[in-house]
Amino acid sequence: MKNKKRPLLLFLAAVSCLSVMALPAAAMEIPEVSESSIVSPQAEEVEWYYRLINGKYQKRKWSITYGYWLTDWIDCVV
C-alpha cells in the first residue's frame, strides 16, 4: 500500500514545486508601455486679459481649458 502512494506523493510534490516557481516568473513580466498609458499632469490652463476703461486698467481671467470666464472684470491697482 505504501509503494502505491509514494509515486503519487512525489508527483504532487513536483507539481507544487513547479507551480510555486512559476508564480514569481509570471509576476516579473513587464507590460508594454504605449504613449496613451503615460501619466501626465492635467492642470487647468488660464490666461489673464487686460483692458483700459475710463483711464482704469481692468483684468479678467479666462479658462483656456474649459472655454469660459472665471472672473468678472477686476480693477487693477497700478
C-alpha atoms as a PDB file:
ATOM      1  CA  MET A   1       0.000   0.000   0.000  1.00  0.00           C
ATOM      2  CA  LYS A   2       2.859   2.340   0.803  1.00  0.00           C
ATOM      3  CA  ASN A   3       4.508   1.776  -2.590  1.00  0.00           C
ATOM      4  CA  LYS A   4       1.338   2.793  -4.487  1.00  0.00           C
ATOM      5  CA  LYS A   5       1.011   6.136  -2.666  1.00  0.00           C
ATOM      6  CA  ARG A   6       4.659   7.074  -2.941  1.00  0.00           C
ATOM      7  CA  PRO A   7       4.732   7.889  -6.720  1.00  0.00           C
ATOM      8  CA  LEU A   8       1.549   9.907  -6.351  1.00  0.00           C
ATOM      9  CA  LEU A   9       3.050  11.929  -3.493  1.00  0.00           C
ATOM     10  CA  LEU A  10       6.236  12.531  -5.480  1.00  0.00           C
ATOM     11  CA  PHE A  11       4.205  13.675  -8.457  1.00  0.00           C
ATOM     12  CA  LEU A  12       2.132  16.082  -6.350  1.00  0.00           C
ATOM     13  CA  ALA A  13       5.261  17.452  -4.667  1.00  0.00           C
ATOM     14  CA  ALA A  14       6.922  18.038  -8.041  1.00  0.00           C
ATOM     15  CA  VAL A  15       3.835  19.799  -9.450  1.00  0.00           C
ATOM     16  CA  SER A  16       3.529  22.036  -6.406  1.00  0.00           C
ATOM     17  CA  CYS A  17       7.230  22.996  -6.596  1.00  0.00           C
ATOM     18  CA  LEU A  18       6.941  23.843 -10.282  1.00  0.00           C
ATOM     19  CA  SER A  19       3.813  25.939  -9.750  1.00  0.00           C
ATOM     20  CA  VAL A  20       5.422  27.862  -6.879  1.00  0.00           C
ATOM     21  CA  MET A  21       8.462  28.634  -9.050  1.00  0.00           C
ATOM     22  CA  ALA A  22       6.268  29.760 -11.951  1.00  0.00           C
ATOM     23  CA  LEU A  23       4.456  32.446  -9.913  1.00  0.00           C
ATOM     24  CA  PRO A  24       7.436  34.816  -9.499  1.00  0.00           C
ATOM     25  CA  ALA A  25       8.314  34.424 -13.170  1.00  0.00           C
ATOM     26  CA  ALA A  26       4.797  35.491 -14.181  1.00  0.00           C
ATOM     27  CA  ALA A  27       4.924  38.449 -11.795  1.00  0.00           C
ATOM     28  CA  MET A  28       8.207  39.678 -13.296  1.00  0.00           C
ATOM     29  CA  GLU A  29       6.767  40.234 -16.765  1.00  0.00           C
ATOM     30  CA  ILE A  30       6.893  43.927 -17.637  1.00  0.00           C
ATOM     31  CA  PRO A  31       3.903  45.204 -19.600  1.00  0.00           C
ATOM     32  CA  GLU A  32       4.449  47.226 -22.766  1.00  0.00           C
ATOM     33  CA  VAL A  33       4.189  50.979 -22.334  1.00  0.00           C
ATOM     34  CA  SER A  34       2.391  52.933 -25.005  1.00  0.00           C
ATOM     35  CA  GLU A  35       2.080  56.703 -25.381  1.00  0.00           C
ATOM     36  CA  SER A  36      -1.546  56.619 -24.281  1.00  0.00           C
ATOM     37  CA  SER A  37      -0.661  54.977 -20.964  1.00  0.00           C
ATOM     38  CA  ILE A  38       1.871  57.619 -19.894  1.00  0.00           C
ATOM     39  CA  VAL A  39       0.627  59.693 -16.968  1.00  0.00           C
ATOM     40  CA  SER A  40       0.843  63.438 -17.408  1.00  0.00           C
ATOM     41  CA  PRO A  41      -0.497  66.237 -15.224  1.00  0.00           C
ATOM     42  CA  GLN A  42      -3.752  67.753 -16.385  1.00  0.00           C
ATOM     43  CA  ALA A  43      -3.756  71.225 -14.808  1.00  0.00           C
ATOM     44  CA  GLU A  44      -6.242  73.822 -15.937  1.00  0.00           C
ATOM     45  CA  GLU A  45      -4.722  76.474 -18.218  1.00  0.00           C
ATOM     46  CA  VAL A  46      -5.784  80.074 -17.631  1.00  0.00           C
ATOM     47  CA  GLU A  47      -4.922  83.438 -19.141  1.00  0.00           C
ATOM     48  CA  TRP A  48      -5.447  86.977 -17.895  1.00  0.00           C
ATOM     49  CA  TYR A  49      -6.952  89.579 -20.258  1.00  0.00           C
ATOM     50  CA  TYR A  50      -6.499  93.300 -19.649  1.00  0.00           C
ATOM     51  CA  ARG A  51      -8.361  96.395 -20.812  1.00  0.00           C
ATOM     52  CA  LEU A  52      -8.333 100.142 -20.231  1.00  0.00           C
ATOM     53  CA  ILE A  53     -11.750 101.640 -19.462  1.00  0.00           C
ATOM     54  CA  ASN A  54     -12.135 105.323 -18.464  1.00  0.00           C
ATOM     55  CA  GLY A  55      -8.457 105.551 -17.536  1.00  0.00           C
ATOM     56  CA  LYS A  56      -8.598 102.459 -15.282  1.00  0.00           C
ATOM     57  CA  TYR A  57      -6.970  99.136 -16.073  1.00  0.00           C
ATOM     58  CA  GLN A  58      -9.071  96.046 -15.541  1.00  0.00           C
ATOM     59  CA  LYS A  59      -8.303  92.345 -15.759  1.00  0.00           C
ATOM     60  CA  ARG A  60     -10.348  89.196 -16.240  1.00  0.00           C
ATOM     61  CA  LYS A  61      -9.341  85.527 -16.056  1.00  0.00           C
ATOM     62  CA  TRP A  62     -10.197  83.183 -18.983  1.00  0.00           C
ATOM     63  CA  SER A  63     -10.109  79.379 -18.730  1.00  0.00           C
ATOM     64  CA  ILE A  64      -8.341  78.078 -21.841  1.00  0.00           C
ATOM     65  CA  THR A  65      -9.142  74.523 -20.775  1.00  0.00           C
ATOM     66  CA  TYR A  66     -12.904  74.918 -20.401  1.00  0.00           C
ATOM     67  CA  GLY A  67     -13.535  77.978 -22.586  1.00  0.00           C
ATOM     68  CA  TYR A  68     -15.327  80.343 -20.191  1.00  0.00           C
ATOM     69  CA  TRP A  69     -14.611  83.343 -17.959  1.00  0.00           C
ATOM     70  CA  LEU A  70     -13.570  82.520 -14.410  1.00  0.00           C
ATOM     71  CA  THR A  71     -13.903  86.064 -13.015  1.00  0.00           C
ATOM     72  CA  ASP A  72     -15.666  89.339 -13.695  1.00  0.00           C
ATOM     73  CA  TRP A  73     -13.670  92.416 -14.666  1.00  0.00           C
ATOM     74  CA  ILE A  74     -11.486  93.452 -11.709  1.00  0.00           C
ATOM     75  CA  ASP A  75      -9.919  96.909 -11.299  1.00  0.00           C
ATOM     76  CA  CYS A  76      -6.116  96.754 -11.256  1.00  0.00           C
ATOM     77  CA  VAL A  77      -4.030  98.798  -8.865  1.00  0.00           C
ATOM     78  CA  VAL A  78      -1.250 100.430 -10.857  1.00  0.00           C
END
